[in-house]
N, C-alpha and C. Protein backbone atom coordinates (compact mmCIF):
# COMPACT_ATOMS: atom_id res chain seq x y z
N UNK A 1 1.12 -5.01 -11.17
CA UNK A 1 0.50 -4.92 -12.48
C UNK A 1 0.80 -3.59 -13.17
N UNK A 2 0.73 -2.48 -12.40
CA UNK A 2 1.05 -1.17 -12.98
C UNK A 2 2.52 -1.09 -13.34
N UNK A 3 3.37 -1.65 -12.49
CA UNK A 3 4.81 -1.62 -12.77
C UNK A 3 5.14 -2.33 -14.07
N UNK A 4 4.48 -3.46 -14.31
CA UNK A 4 4.74 -4.21 -15.53
C UNK A 4 4.33 -3.40 -16.76
N UNK A 5 3.18 -2.71 -16.67
CA UNK A 5 2.74 -1.90 -17.79
C UNK A 5 3.73 -0.77 -18.06
N UNK A 6 4.17 -0.09 -17.00
CA UNK A 6 5.10 1.03 -17.17
C UNK A 6 6.46 0.56 -17.69
N UNK A 7 6.90 -0.62 -17.25
CA UNK A 7 8.16 -1.17 -17.76
C UNK A 7 8.03 -1.50 -19.25
N UNK A 8 6.90 -2.09 -19.64
CA UNK A 8 6.69 -2.42 -21.04
C UNK A 8 6.62 -1.16 -21.90
N UNK A 9 5.95 -0.14 -21.37
CA UNK A 9 5.85 1.12 -22.12
C UNK A 9 7.23 1.74 -22.31
N UNK A 10 8.07 1.65 -21.29
CA UNK A 10 9.43 2.18 -21.40
C UNK A 10 10.24 1.39 -22.41
N UNK A 11 10.09 0.07 -22.39
CA UNK A 11 10.85 -0.78 -23.30
C UNK A 11 10.46 -0.57 -24.76
N UNK A 12 9.17 -0.27 -24.99
CA UNK A 12 8.66 -0.12 -26.35
C UNK A 12 8.72 1.32 -26.86
N UNK A 13 9.21 2.21 -26.02
CA UNK A 13 9.26 3.63 -26.40
C UNK A 13 10.25 3.89 -27.52
N UNK A 14 10.00 4.96 -28.27
CA UNK A 14 10.95 5.38 -29.30
C UNK A 14 12.22 5.98 -28.70
N UNK A 15 12.13 6.36 -27.42
CA UNK A 15 13.30 6.92 -26.72
C UNK A 15 14.18 5.76 -26.26
N UNK A 16 15.36 5.57 -26.81
CA UNK A 16 16.19 4.40 -26.46
C UNK A 16 16.69 4.41 -25.02
N UNK A 17 16.66 5.57 -24.38
CA UNK A 17 17.18 5.66 -23.01
C UNK A 17 16.07 5.60 -21.95
N UNK A 18 14.83 5.54 -22.41
CA UNK A 18 13.72 5.58 -21.45
C UNK A 18 13.73 4.39 -20.50
N UNK A 19 14.01 3.20 -21.00
CA UNK A 19 14.02 2.02 -20.13
C UNK A 19 15.14 2.11 -19.10
N UNK A 20 16.29 2.66 -19.49
CA UNK A 20 17.39 2.83 -18.53
C UNK A 20 17.00 3.81 -17.43
N UNK A 21 16.31 4.88 -17.81
CA UNK A 21 15.87 5.85 -16.80
C UNK A 21 14.84 5.23 -15.87
N UNK A 22 13.96 4.40 -16.44
CA UNK A 22 12.95 3.72 -15.63
C UNK A 22 13.62 2.79 -14.61
N UNK A 23 14.60 2.02 -15.06
CA UNK A 23 15.30 1.09 -14.17
C UNK A 23 16.06 1.84 -13.09
N UNK A 24 16.67 2.96 -13.44
CA UNK A 24 17.43 3.73 -12.46
C UNK A 24 16.49 4.35 -11.42
N UNK A 25 15.33 4.80 -11.87
CA UNK A 25 14.35 5.35 -10.93
C UNK A 25 13.87 4.28 -9.96
N UNK A 26 13.65 3.07 -10.46
CA UNK A 26 13.26 1.97 -9.59
C UNK A 26 14.34 1.67 -8.56
N UNK A 27 15.58 1.72 -8.99
CA UNK A 27 16.69 1.42 -8.08
C UNK A 27 16.77 2.45 -6.95
N UNK A 28 16.48 3.70 -7.27
CA UNK A 28 16.59 4.76 -6.28
C UNK A 28 15.34 4.94 -5.43
N UNK A 29 14.24 4.33 -5.85
CA UNK A 29 12.95 4.58 -5.20
C UNK A 29 12.93 4.26 -3.71
N UNK A 30 13.43 3.10 -3.25
CA UNK A 30 13.35 2.81 -1.81
C UNK A 30 14.03 3.86 -0.94
N UNK A 31 15.21 4.31 -1.34
CA UNK A 31 15.91 5.33 -0.54
C UNK A 31 15.13 6.64 -0.53
N UNK A 32 14.51 6.99 -1.66
CA UNK A 32 13.74 8.23 -1.72
C UNK A 32 12.48 8.13 -0.86
N UNK A 33 11.79 7.00 -0.91
CA UNK A 33 10.60 6.80 -0.07
C UNK A 33 10.98 6.89 1.40
N UNK A 34 12.09 6.26 1.76
CA UNK A 34 12.55 6.31 3.15
C UNK A 34 12.83 7.75 3.58
N UNK A 35 13.45 8.52 2.71
CA UNK A 35 13.79 9.90 3.03
C UNK A 35 12.53 10.76 3.23
N UNK A 36 11.57 10.62 2.34
CA UNK A 36 10.35 11.43 2.47
C UNK A 36 9.51 10.99 3.67
N UNK A 37 9.49 9.69 3.94
CA UNK A 37 8.71 9.19 5.08
C UNK A 37 9.29 9.70 6.40
N UNK A 38 10.59 9.63 6.55
CA UNK A 38 11.20 10.09 7.80
C UNK A 38 11.03 11.60 7.97
N UNK A 39 11.13 12.34 6.88
CA UNK A 39 10.94 13.79 6.96
C UNK A 39 9.51 14.12 7.38
N UNK A 40 8.55 13.40 6.84
CA UNK A 40 7.15 13.69 7.12
C UNK A 40 6.76 13.37 8.55
N UNK A 41 7.36 12.33 9.12
CA UNK A 41 6.97 11.87 10.45
C UNK A 41 8.01 12.17 11.52
N UNK A 42 8.90 13.11 11.25
CA UNK A 42 9.98 13.42 12.21
C UNK A 42 9.49 14.22 13.41
N UNK A 43 8.39 14.92 13.24
CA UNK A 43 7.89 15.75 14.34
C UNK A 43 7.46 14.87 15.52
N UNK A 44 7.71 15.37 16.73
CA UNK A 44 7.35 14.64 17.96
C UNK A 44 8.05 13.28 18.01
N UNK A 45 9.35 13.29 17.66
CA UNK A 45 10.10 12.04 17.48
C UNK A 45 10.29 11.26 18.78
N UNK A 46 10.12 11.91 19.93
CA UNK A 46 10.30 11.19 21.19
C UNK A 46 9.10 10.30 21.52
N UNK A 47 7.97 10.56 20.88
CA UNK A 47 6.74 9.80 21.18
C UNK A 47 6.61 8.61 20.22
N UNK A 48 6.17 7.50 20.76
CA UNK A 48 5.97 6.32 19.92
C UNK A 48 4.87 6.57 18.89
N UNK A 49 5.14 6.20 17.65
CA UNK A 49 4.16 6.30 16.58
C UNK A 49 3.50 4.94 16.39
N UNK A 50 2.19 4.94 16.27
CA UNK A 50 1.43 3.69 16.14
C UNK A 50 0.78 3.65 14.76
N UNK A 51 1.17 2.64 13.99
CA UNK A 51 0.77 2.52 12.59
C UNK A 51 -0.06 1.26 12.40
N UNK A 52 -1.09 1.36 11.55
CA UNK A 52 -1.92 0.22 11.18
C UNK A 52 -1.72 -0.05 9.69
N UNK A 53 -1.58 -1.32 9.33
CA UNK A 53 -1.41 -1.68 7.93
C UNK A 53 -2.03 -3.04 7.67
N UNK A 54 -1.95 -3.47 6.42
CA UNK A 54 -2.44 -4.81 6.07
C UNK A 54 -1.65 -5.35 4.89
N UNK A 55 -1.81 -6.63 4.65
CA UNK A 55 -1.14 -7.33 3.57
C UNK A 55 0.38 -7.17 3.68
N UNK A 56 1.08 -7.22 2.54
CA UNK A 56 2.54 -7.07 2.53
C UNK A 56 2.91 -6.13 1.41
N UNK A 57 3.65 -5.09 1.75
CA UNK A 57 4.13 -4.13 0.76
C UNK A 57 5.59 -3.84 1.05
N UNK A 58 6.45 -4.04 0.07
CA UNK A 58 7.87 -3.74 0.27
C UNK A 58 8.08 -2.24 0.50
N UNK A 59 7.26 -1.40 -0.13
CA UNK A 59 7.39 0.05 0.07
C UNK A 59 6.98 0.44 1.49
N UNK A 60 5.91 -0.15 2.00
CA UNK A 60 5.52 0.11 3.39
C UNK A 60 6.62 -0.35 4.35
N UNK A 61 7.19 -1.51 4.07
CA UNK A 61 8.26 -2.02 4.92
C UNK A 61 9.46 -1.08 4.91
N UNK A 62 9.80 -0.54 3.75
CA UNK A 62 10.90 0.44 3.65
C UNK A 62 10.59 1.66 4.50
N UNK A 63 9.37 2.18 4.39
CA UNK A 63 8.99 3.37 5.15
C UNK A 63 9.04 3.11 6.66
N UNK A 64 8.49 1.97 7.08
CA UNK A 64 8.46 1.66 8.51
C UNK A 64 9.87 1.47 9.07
N UNK A 65 10.72 0.79 8.34
CA UNK A 65 12.10 0.60 8.80
C UNK A 65 12.84 1.92 8.89
N UNK A 66 12.52 2.86 8.00
CA UNK A 66 13.16 4.17 8.06
C UNK A 66 12.65 4.98 9.25
N UNK A 67 11.33 4.95 9.46
CA UNK A 67 10.74 5.73 10.55
C UNK A 67 11.24 5.24 11.91
N UNK A 68 11.38 3.93 12.07
CA UNK A 68 11.80 3.41 13.38
C UNK A 68 13.21 3.84 13.76
N UNK A 69 13.97 4.33 12.80
CA UNK A 69 15.32 4.81 13.11
C UNK A 69 15.32 6.20 13.73
N UNK A 70 14.18 6.92 13.60
CA UNK A 70 14.12 8.28 14.13
C UNK A 70 13.14 8.43 15.29
N UNK A 71 12.29 7.41 15.51
CA UNK A 71 11.34 7.49 16.63
C UNK A 71 10.82 6.09 16.96
N UNK A 72 10.35 5.87 18.19
CA UNK A 72 9.77 4.57 18.52
C UNK A 72 8.55 4.30 17.65
N UNK A 73 8.37 3.03 17.29
CA UNK A 73 7.32 2.66 16.35
C UNK A 73 6.69 1.33 16.77
N UNK A 74 5.38 1.28 16.73
CA UNK A 74 4.64 0.04 16.96
C UNK A 74 3.66 -0.14 15.81
N UNK A 75 3.49 -1.37 15.35
CA UNK A 75 2.69 -1.64 14.16
C UNK A 75 1.61 -2.68 14.46
N UNK A 76 0.42 -2.42 13.95
CA UNK A 76 -0.66 -3.40 13.96
C UNK A 76 -0.97 -3.78 12.52
N UNK A 77 -1.13 -5.06 12.26
CA UNK A 77 -1.45 -5.48 10.90
C UNK A 77 -2.46 -6.62 10.94
N UNK A 78 -3.18 -6.77 9.85
CA UNK A 78 -4.11 -7.88 9.73
C UNK A 78 -3.42 -9.05 9.04
N UNK A 79 -3.93 -10.25 9.22
CA UNK A 79 -3.27 -11.40 8.63
C UNK A 79 -3.48 -11.50 7.12
N UNK A 80 -4.51 -10.81 6.60
CA UNK A 80 -4.73 -10.69 5.15
C UNK A 80 -5.01 -12.03 4.47
N UNK A 81 -6.11 -12.60 4.84
CA UNK A 81 -6.56 -13.82 4.16
C UNK A 81 -6.97 -13.49 2.72
N UNK A 82 -6.85 -14.40 1.79
CA UNK A 82 -6.60 -15.80 2.05
C UNK A 82 -5.13 -16.19 1.90
N UNK A 83 -4.30 -15.33 1.32
CA UNK A 83 -2.90 -15.68 1.13
C UNK A 83 -2.03 -15.41 2.37
N UNK A 84 -2.59 -14.71 3.37
CA UNK A 84 -1.93 -14.50 4.66
C UNK A 84 -0.61 -13.71 4.55
N UNK A 85 -0.58 -12.72 3.63
CA UNK A 85 0.64 -11.92 3.50
C UNK A 85 0.93 -11.11 4.76
N UNK A 86 -0.12 -10.80 5.54
CA UNK A 86 0.09 -10.03 6.76
C UNK A 86 0.97 -10.76 7.77
N UNK A 87 0.90 -12.07 7.78
CA UNK A 87 1.78 -12.82 8.69
C UNK A 87 3.24 -12.66 8.28
N UNK A 88 3.49 -12.62 6.98
CA UNK A 88 4.85 -12.39 6.50
C UNK A 88 5.35 -11.02 6.94
N UNK A 89 4.48 -10.00 6.80
CA UNK A 89 4.87 -8.66 7.23
C UNK A 89 5.15 -8.62 8.72
N UNK A 90 4.27 -9.23 9.52
CA UNK A 90 4.46 -9.25 10.97
C UNK A 90 5.78 -9.91 11.34
N UNK A 91 6.13 -10.98 10.64
CA UNK A 91 7.39 -11.68 10.89
C UNK A 91 8.58 -10.78 10.60
N UNK A 92 8.54 -10.07 9.46
CA UNK A 92 9.65 -9.19 9.09
C UNK A 92 9.78 -8.01 10.05
N UNK A 93 8.64 -7.45 10.46
CA UNK A 93 8.68 -6.32 11.39
C UNK A 93 9.22 -6.74 12.75
N UNK A 94 8.76 -7.88 13.23
CA UNK A 94 9.25 -8.37 14.52
C UNK A 94 10.74 -8.67 14.47
N UNK A 95 11.21 -9.23 13.35
CA UNK A 95 12.63 -9.52 13.20
C UNK A 95 13.47 -8.24 13.20
N UNK A 96 12.85 -7.12 12.77
CA UNK A 96 13.55 -5.84 12.76
C UNK A 96 13.48 -5.14 14.12
N UNK A 97 12.82 -5.77 15.08
CA UNK A 97 12.79 -5.22 16.43
C UNK A 97 11.59 -4.36 16.76
N UNK A 98 10.58 -4.36 15.90
CA UNK A 98 9.38 -3.55 16.15
C UNK A 98 8.32 -4.38 16.88
N UNK A 99 7.65 -3.80 17.88
CA UNK A 99 6.51 -4.50 18.49
C UNK A 99 5.37 -4.57 17.49
N UNK A 100 4.76 -5.74 17.37
CA UNK A 100 3.74 -5.97 16.35
C UNK A 100 2.52 -6.62 16.99
N UNK A 101 1.34 -6.13 16.60
CA UNK A 101 0.09 -6.79 16.96
C UNK A 101 -0.55 -7.31 15.68
N UNK A 102 -0.98 -8.56 15.67
CA UNK A 102 -1.61 -9.16 14.50
C UNK A 102 -3.09 -9.37 14.79
N UNK A 103 -3.94 -8.86 13.88
CA UNK A 103 -5.38 -8.97 14.02
C UNK A 103 -5.95 -9.83 12.89
N UNK A 104 -7.12 -10.41 13.12
CA UNK A 104 -7.85 -10.99 12.01
C UNK A 104 -8.33 -9.85 11.11
N UNK A 105 -8.64 -10.15 9.87
CA UNK A 105 -9.06 -9.11 8.94
C UNK A 105 -10.29 -8.36 9.44
N UNK A 106 -11.25 -9.09 9.97
CA UNK A 106 -12.50 -8.46 10.40
C UNK A 106 -12.32 -7.62 11.66
N UNK A 107 -11.22 -7.82 12.39
CA UNK A 107 -11.00 -7.11 13.65
C UNK A 107 -9.96 -5.99 13.55
N UNK A 108 -9.39 -5.76 12.36
CA UNK A 108 -8.29 -4.81 12.25
C UNK A 108 -8.71 -3.39 12.62
N UNK A 109 -9.98 -3.04 12.47
CA UNK A 109 -10.43 -1.70 12.84
C UNK A 109 -10.23 -1.41 14.32
N UNK A 110 -10.16 -2.45 15.15
CA UNK A 110 -9.90 -2.24 16.57
C UNK A 110 -8.54 -1.56 16.78
N UNK A 111 -7.60 -1.80 15.89
CA UNK A 111 -6.27 -1.20 16.01
C UNK A 111 -6.30 0.31 15.81
N UNK A 112 -7.38 0.84 15.24
CA UNK A 112 -7.48 2.28 15.01
C UNK A 112 -7.76 3.05 16.30
N UNK A 113 -8.14 2.35 17.37
CA UNK A 113 -8.48 3.03 18.62
C UNK A 113 -7.34 3.89 19.14
N UNK A 114 -6.10 3.43 18.93
CA UNK A 114 -4.95 4.20 19.43
C UNK A 114 -3.93 4.48 18.32
N UNK A 115 -4.40 4.53 17.07
CA UNK A 115 -3.49 4.67 15.94
C UNK A 115 -3.20 6.12 15.60
N UNK A 116 -1.99 6.35 15.10
CA UNK A 116 -1.60 7.66 14.59
C UNK A 116 -1.75 7.75 13.08
N UNK A 117 -1.66 6.61 12.39
CA UNK A 117 -1.73 6.62 10.93
C UNK A 117 -1.99 5.22 10.41
N UNK A 118 -2.61 5.16 9.24
CA UNK A 118 -2.72 3.94 8.46
C UNK A 118 -1.77 4.07 7.28
N UNK A 119 -0.98 3.02 7.02
CA UNK A 119 -0.09 3.01 5.86
C UNK A 119 -0.35 1.74 5.06
N UNK A 120 -0.62 1.90 3.78
CA UNK A 120 -0.85 0.75 2.92
C UNK A 120 -0.08 0.93 1.62
N UNK A 121 0.18 -0.17 0.95
CA UNK A 121 0.84 -0.12 -0.35
C UNK A 121 -0.18 0.01 -1.47
N UNK A 122 0.30 -0.14 -2.69
CA UNK A 122 -0.59 -0.06 -3.85
C UNK A 122 0.00 -0.88 -4.99
N UNK A 123 -0.86 -1.61 -5.66
CA UNK A 123 -0.45 -2.30 -6.89
C UNK A 123 -0.62 -1.40 -8.10
N UNK A 124 -1.47 -0.40 -7.96
CA UNK A 124 -1.64 0.59 -9.02
C UNK A 124 -2.30 1.82 -8.41
N UNK A 125 -1.96 2.99 -8.96
CA UNK A 125 -2.59 4.24 -8.54
C UNK A 125 -3.12 4.94 -9.79
N UNK A 126 -4.43 5.14 -9.82
CA UNK A 126 -5.11 5.81 -10.93
C UNK A 126 -5.45 7.24 -10.49
N UNK A 127 -5.97 8.08 -11.38
CA UNK A 127 -6.27 9.46 -11.01
C UNK A 127 -7.23 9.63 -9.84
N UNK A 128 -8.16 8.69 -9.63
CA UNK A 128 -9.14 8.87 -8.56
C UNK A 128 -9.22 7.71 -7.58
N UNK A 129 -8.42 6.65 -7.78
CA UNK A 129 -8.46 5.51 -6.87
C UNK A 129 -7.12 4.78 -6.93
N UNK A 130 -6.92 3.89 -5.96
CA UNK A 130 -5.74 3.03 -6.01
C UNK A 130 -6.17 1.59 -5.77
N UNK A 131 -5.35 0.68 -6.24
CA UNK A 131 -5.63 -0.74 -6.16
C UNK A 131 -4.72 -1.38 -5.14
N UNK A 132 -5.30 -2.16 -4.24
CA UNK A 132 -4.51 -2.85 -3.22
C UNK A 132 -5.29 -4.08 -2.75
N UNK A 133 -4.73 -4.80 -1.80
CA UNK A 133 -5.33 -6.03 -1.30
C UNK A 133 -6.74 -5.79 -0.78
N UNK A 134 -7.64 -6.73 -1.00
CA UNK A 134 -8.99 -6.65 -0.46
C UNK A 134 -8.95 -6.42 1.05
N UNK A 135 -9.79 -5.54 1.51
CA UNK A 135 -9.78 -5.13 2.91
C UNK A 135 -9.26 -3.72 3.08
N UNK A 136 -8.55 -3.21 2.07
CA UNK A 136 -8.00 -1.86 2.15
C UNK A 136 -9.10 -0.81 2.23
N UNK A 137 -10.14 -0.97 1.41
CA UNK A 137 -11.21 0.03 1.39
C UNK A 137 -11.91 0.10 2.74
N UNK A 138 -12.17 -1.06 3.33
CA UNK A 138 -12.82 -1.09 4.63
C UNK A 138 -11.96 -0.42 5.70
N UNK A 139 -10.66 -0.69 5.69
CA UNK A 139 -9.76 -0.09 6.67
C UNK A 139 -9.65 1.41 6.46
N UNK A 140 -9.53 1.84 5.20
CA UNK A 140 -9.41 3.27 4.92
C UNK A 140 -10.68 4.02 5.31
N UNK A 141 -11.83 3.43 5.05
CA UNK A 141 -13.10 4.07 5.41
C UNK A 141 -13.25 4.18 6.92
N UNK A 142 -12.87 3.11 7.63
CA UNK A 142 -12.95 3.14 9.10
C UNK A 142 -11.99 4.19 9.66
N UNK A 143 -10.80 4.29 9.07
CA UNK A 143 -9.83 5.29 9.52
C UNK A 143 -10.34 6.70 9.28
N UNK A 144 -10.91 6.93 8.10
CA UNK A 144 -11.43 8.26 7.78
C UNK A 144 -12.56 8.64 8.74
N UNK A 145 -13.40 7.67 9.10
CA UNK A 145 -14.51 7.93 10.00
C UNK A 145 -14.01 8.33 11.39
N UNK A 146 -12.83 7.81 11.77
CA UNK A 146 -12.27 8.10 13.09
C UNK A 146 -11.25 9.23 13.06
N UNK A 147 -11.00 9.78 11.90
CA UNK A 147 -10.04 10.88 11.81
C UNK A 147 -8.59 10.45 11.84
N UNK A 148 -8.32 9.19 11.51
CA UNK A 148 -6.94 8.69 11.44
C UNK A 148 -6.44 8.87 10.01
N UNK A 149 -5.33 9.58 9.81
CA UNK A 149 -4.84 9.80 8.43
C UNK A 149 -4.43 8.51 7.75
N UNK A 150 -4.69 8.44 6.45
CA UNK A 150 -4.37 7.27 5.63
C UNK A 150 -3.32 7.66 4.60
N UNK A 151 -2.21 6.92 4.59
CA UNK A 151 -1.13 7.18 3.64
C UNK A 151 -0.94 5.96 2.74
N UNK A 152 -0.84 6.22 1.45
CA UNK A 152 -0.46 5.19 0.49
C UNK A 152 1.04 5.34 0.23
N UNK A 153 1.78 4.25 0.35
CA UNK A 153 3.23 4.27 0.13
C UNK A 153 3.51 3.53 -1.17
N UNK A 154 3.99 4.26 -2.17
CA UNK A 154 4.19 3.63 -3.48
C UNK A 154 5.15 4.45 -4.33
N UNK A 155 5.94 3.76 -5.12
CA UNK A 155 6.88 4.43 -6.02
C UNK A 155 6.16 4.90 -7.29
N UNK A 156 6.84 5.74 -8.03
CA UNK A 156 6.27 6.37 -9.22
C UNK A 156 5.84 5.34 -10.27
N UNK A 157 6.45 4.16 -10.29
CA UNK A 157 6.10 3.17 -11.31
C UNK A 157 4.70 2.58 -11.11
N UNK A 158 4.06 2.86 -9.97
CA UNK A 158 2.72 2.34 -9.73
C UNK A 158 1.62 3.27 -10.27
N UNK A 159 2.00 4.46 -10.74
CA UNK A 159 1.01 5.42 -11.23
C UNK A 159 0.70 5.13 -12.71
N UNK A 160 -0.58 5.12 -13.05
CA UNK A 160 -0.98 4.86 -14.45
C UNK A 160 -2.08 5.83 -14.86
N UNK A 161 -2.12 6.20 -16.14
CA UNK A 161 -3.21 7.06 -16.62
C UNK A 161 -4.54 6.32 -16.61
N UNK A 162 -5.63 7.08 -16.73
CA UNK A 162 -6.95 6.48 -16.60
C UNK A 162 -7.21 5.41 -17.64
N UNK A 163 -6.76 5.61 -18.88
CA UNK A 163 -7.03 4.63 -19.92
C UNK A 163 -6.36 3.29 -19.62
N UNK A 164 -5.22 3.31 -18.96
CA UNK A 164 -4.57 2.07 -18.55
C UNK A 164 -5.29 1.48 -17.35
N UNK A 165 -5.65 2.35 -16.40
CA UNK A 165 -6.35 1.88 -15.20
C UNK A 165 -7.64 1.17 -15.56
N UNK A 166 -8.33 1.67 -16.58
CA UNK A 166 -9.60 1.04 -16.99
C UNK A 166 -9.40 -0.38 -17.51
N UNK A 167 -8.20 -0.69 -17.97
CA UNK A 167 -7.94 -2.02 -18.52
C UNK A 167 -7.31 -2.99 -17.55
N UNK A 168 -7.04 -2.55 -16.33
CA UNK A 168 -6.43 -3.45 -15.35
C UNK A 168 -7.42 -4.53 -14.93
N UNK A 169 -6.95 -5.75 -14.86
CA UNK A 169 -7.79 -6.87 -14.44
C UNK A 169 -7.55 -7.14 -12.96
N UNK A 170 -8.61 -7.08 -12.17
CA UNK A 170 -8.50 -7.32 -10.73
C UNK A 170 -8.57 -8.83 -10.49
N UNK A 171 -7.45 -9.36 -10.07
CA UNK A 171 -7.30 -10.82 -9.97
C UNK A 171 -8.02 -11.39 -8.75
N UNK A 172 -8.57 -12.57 -8.92
CA UNK A 172 -9.17 -13.31 -7.81
C UNK A 172 -8.39 -14.60 -7.59
N UNK A 173 -8.43 -15.11 -6.37
CA UNK A 173 -7.79 -16.36 -6.05
C UNK A 173 -8.73 -17.53 -6.21
N UNK A 174 -8.20 -18.70 -6.00
CA UNK A 174 -8.99 -19.93 -6.09
C UNK A 174 -10.02 -19.95 -4.97
N UNK A 175 -11.25 -20.27 -5.31
CA UNK A 175 -12.32 -20.30 -4.31
C UNK A 175 -12.04 -21.32 -3.22
N UNK A 176 -11.28 -22.37 -3.51
CA UNK A 176 -11.00 -23.39 -2.50
C UNK A 176 -10.13 -22.86 -1.37
N UNK A 177 -9.45 -21.71 -1.58
CA UNK A 177 -8.70 -21.10 -0.48
C UNK A 177 -9.64 -20.62 0.63
N UNK A 178 -10.88 -20.35 0.27
CA UNK A 178 -11.87 -19.90 1.24
C UNK A 178 -12.66 -21.07 1.82
N UNK A 179 -13.09 -21.96 0.93
CA UNK A 179 -13.90 -23.10 1.36
C UNK A 179 -13.72 -24.20 0.33
N UNK A 180 -13.07 -25.26 0.75
CA UNK A 180 -12.70 -26.33 -0.19
C UNK A 180 -13.91 -27.10 -0.71
N UNK A 181 -14.88 -27.33 0.15
CA UNK A 181 -16.05 -28.14 -0.26
C UNK A 181 -17.34 -27.46 0.20
N UNK A 182 -17.71 -26.37 -0.45
CA UNK A 182 -18.96 -25.69 -0.06
C UNK A 182 -20.17 -26.53 -0.47
N UNK A 183 -21.27 -26.38 0.23
CA UNK A 183 -22.48 -27.14 -0.13
C UNK A 183 -23.09 -26.61 -1.42
N UNK A 184 -23.91 -27.41 -2.07
CA UNK A 184 -24.59 -26.95 -3.28
C UNK A 184 -25.35 -25.65 -3.02
N UNK A 185 -25.24 -24.72 -3.97
CA UNK A 185 -25.95 -23.46 -3.85
C UNK A 185 -25.12 -22.33 -3.26
N UNK A 186 -23.91 -22.65 -2.77
CA UNK A 186 -23.02 -21.62 -2.20
C UNK A 186 -21.95 -21.26 -3.23
N UNK A 187 -21.96 -20.03 -3.68
CA UNK A 187 -21.00 -19.54 -4.66
C UNK A 187 -19.89 -18.79 -3.92
N UNK A 188 -18.72 -19.40 -3.80
CA UNK A 188 -17.63 -18.83 -3.02
C UNK A 188 -16.81 -17.88 -3.88
N UNK A 189 -16.56 -16.68 -3.38
CA UNK A 189 -15.77 -15.66 -4.08
C UNK A 189 -14.51 -15.35 -3.28
N UNK A 190 -13.41 -15.09 -4.01
CA UNK A 190 -12.12 -14.83 -3.35
C UNK A 190 -11.36 -13.73 -4.10
N UNK A 191 -11.90 -12.50 -4.14
CA UNK A 191 -11.18 -11.41 -4.80
C UNK A 191 -9.94 -11.01 -4.02
N UNK A 192 -8.80 -10.98 -4.68
CA UNK A 192 -7.56 -10.62 -4.01
C UNK A 192 -7.38 -9.11 -3.85
N UNK A 193 -7.89 -8.35 -4.82
CA UNK A 193 -7.65 -6.91 -4.84
C UNK A 193 -8.95 -6.14 -4.94
N UNK A 194 -8.87 -4.84 -4.61
CA UNK A 194 -10.02 -3.96 -4.74
C UNK A 194 -9.52 -2.53 -4.90
N UNK A 195 -10.36 -1.69 -5.47
CA UNK A 195 -10.02 -0.28 -5.59
C UNK A 195 -10.54 0.48 -4.37
N UNK A 196 -9.79 1.51 -3.99
CA UNK A 196 -10.17 2.37 -2.87
C UNK A 196 -10.12 3.82 -3.34
N UNK A 197 -11.17 4.60 -3.13
CA UNK A 197 -11.17 5.99 -3.60
C UNK A 197 -10.07 6.81 -2.93
N UNK A 198 -9.44 7.67 -3.69
CA UNK A 198 -8.43 8.55 -3.13
C UNK A 198 -9.03 9.59 -2.18
N UNK A 199 -10.36 9.72 -2.22
CA UNK A 199 -11.03 10.61 -1.27
C UNK A 199 -10.78 10.19 0.17
N UNK A 200 -10.45 8.92 0.38
CA UNK A 200 -10.21 8.41 1.73
C UNK A 200 -8.75 8.54 2.15
N UNK A 201 -7.91 9.07 1.26
CA UNK A 201 -6.46 9.09 1.47
C UNK A 201 -6.00 10.50 1.84
N UNK A 202 -5.10 10.57 2.81
CA UNK A 202 -4.52 11.85 3.22
C UNK A 202 -3.44 12.29 2.24
N UNK A 203 -2.54 11.38 1.89
CA UNK A 203 -1.44 11.70 0.96
C UNK A 203 -0.81 10.40 0.49
N UNK A 204 -0.10 10.51 -0.63
CA UNK A 204 0.71 9.40 -1.14
C UNK A 204 2.17 9.75 -0.90
N UNK A 205 2.88 8.86 -0.21
CA UNK A 205 4.32 9.04 0.01
C UNK A 205 5.03 8.24 -1.06
N UNK A 206 5.70 8.94 -1.95
CA UNK A 206 6.32 8.30 -3.10
C UNK A 206 7.78 8.69 -3.20
N UNK A 207 8.44 8.18 -4.22
CA UNK A 207 9.84 8.53 -4.43
C UNK A 207 9.99 9.90 -5.09
N UNK A 208 8.87 10.54 -5.43
CA UNK A 208 8.94 11.89 -5.98
C UNK A 208 8.40 12.92 -5.00
N UNK A 209 8.11 12.51 -3.78
CA UNK A 209 7.69 13.43 -2.74
C UNK A 209 6.39 13.02 -2.07
N UNK A 210 5.91 13.90 -1.19
CA UNK A 210 4.63 13.71 -0.52
C UNK A 210 3.55 14.34 -1.40
N UNK A 211 2.68 13.53 -1.92
CA UNK A 211 1.70 13.99 -2.91
C UNK A 211 0.30 14.06 -2.29
N UNK A 212 -0.27 15.25 -2.27
CA UNK A 212 -1.68 15.36 -1.93
C UNK A 212 -2.52 14.72 -3.01
N UNK A 213 -3.73 14.29 -2.67
CA UNK A 213 -4.53 13.57 -3.65
C UNK A 213 -4.89 14.43 -4.86
N UNK A 214 -4.92 15.74 -4.69
CA UNK A 214 -5.20 16.61 -5.81
C UNK A 214 -4.09 16.63 -6.85
N UNK A 215 -2.90 16.16 -6.46
CA UNK A 215 -1.76 16.12 -7.38
C UNK A 215 -1.71 14.83 -8.18
N UNK A 216 -2.45 13.81 -7.75
CA UNK A 216 -2.33 12.48 -8.34
C UNK A 216 -2.71 12.43 -9.82
N UNK A 217 -3.81 13.06 -10.25
CA UNK A 217 -4.15 12.97 -11.67
C UNK A 217 -3.02 13.46 -12.60
N UNK A 218 -2.36 14.54 -12.22
CA UNK A 218 -1.29 15.06 -13.05
C UNK A 218 -0.10 14.10 -13.10
N UNK A 219 0.23 13.50 -11.95
CA UNK A 219 1.35 12.55 -11.91
C UNK A 219 1.01 11.32 -12.75
N UNK A 220 -0.22 10.88 -12.70
CA UNK A 220 -0.64 9.69 -13.46
C UNK A 220 -0.52 9.92 -14.97
N UNK A 221 -0.76 11.13 -15.40
CA UNK A 221 -0.80 11.41 -16.83
C UNK A 221 0.57 11.75 -17.41
N UNK A 222 1.61 11.87 -16.57
CA UNK A 222 2.92 12.29 -17.08
C UNK A 222 4.00 11.30 -16.65
């Protein structure tokens, strides 16, 4: 959602070259994210790194594939109901040769017992929070409580100023994905996304570098 807004803003800009620069930055983003991720996690490269994640993020997948080239890597992920994107991620990681553990959404905190880091993607990053699949806030809070660092992996196109963030619509799925025939009086909810405070985040790994959360407001506004 943030990427679409930024692309539209570039296309409608008075600067005729802005859209070309935006497209070129998008093209280069995966390689830059991979470079910063490997640099950040290169220390103690002989030891296996254990990462916890959820849902499906192409940026997280880029980072994990890059890290596994410099050190052993094992990943735990939740299945991410109701659309089950976590199963897709587990399939891709296993196909790349990484050992993977798949948890139910409610049990994913168990993976934090031996975790080195949590890595999640973002559909949008605002000055004080980021938007991602439902369940992210619970995982980030559990990680923070246990002292496990939380990293958001996202390219620059996901950053938006506060006025845009305030207008983002958090999409929900069809209630029948949760319960096709609930009894009378049961109101079934199926929110796909939720916001998570940046207070729970250690850093954002982006195509413009490793960003501490104190740097995010400035990046969002420029």
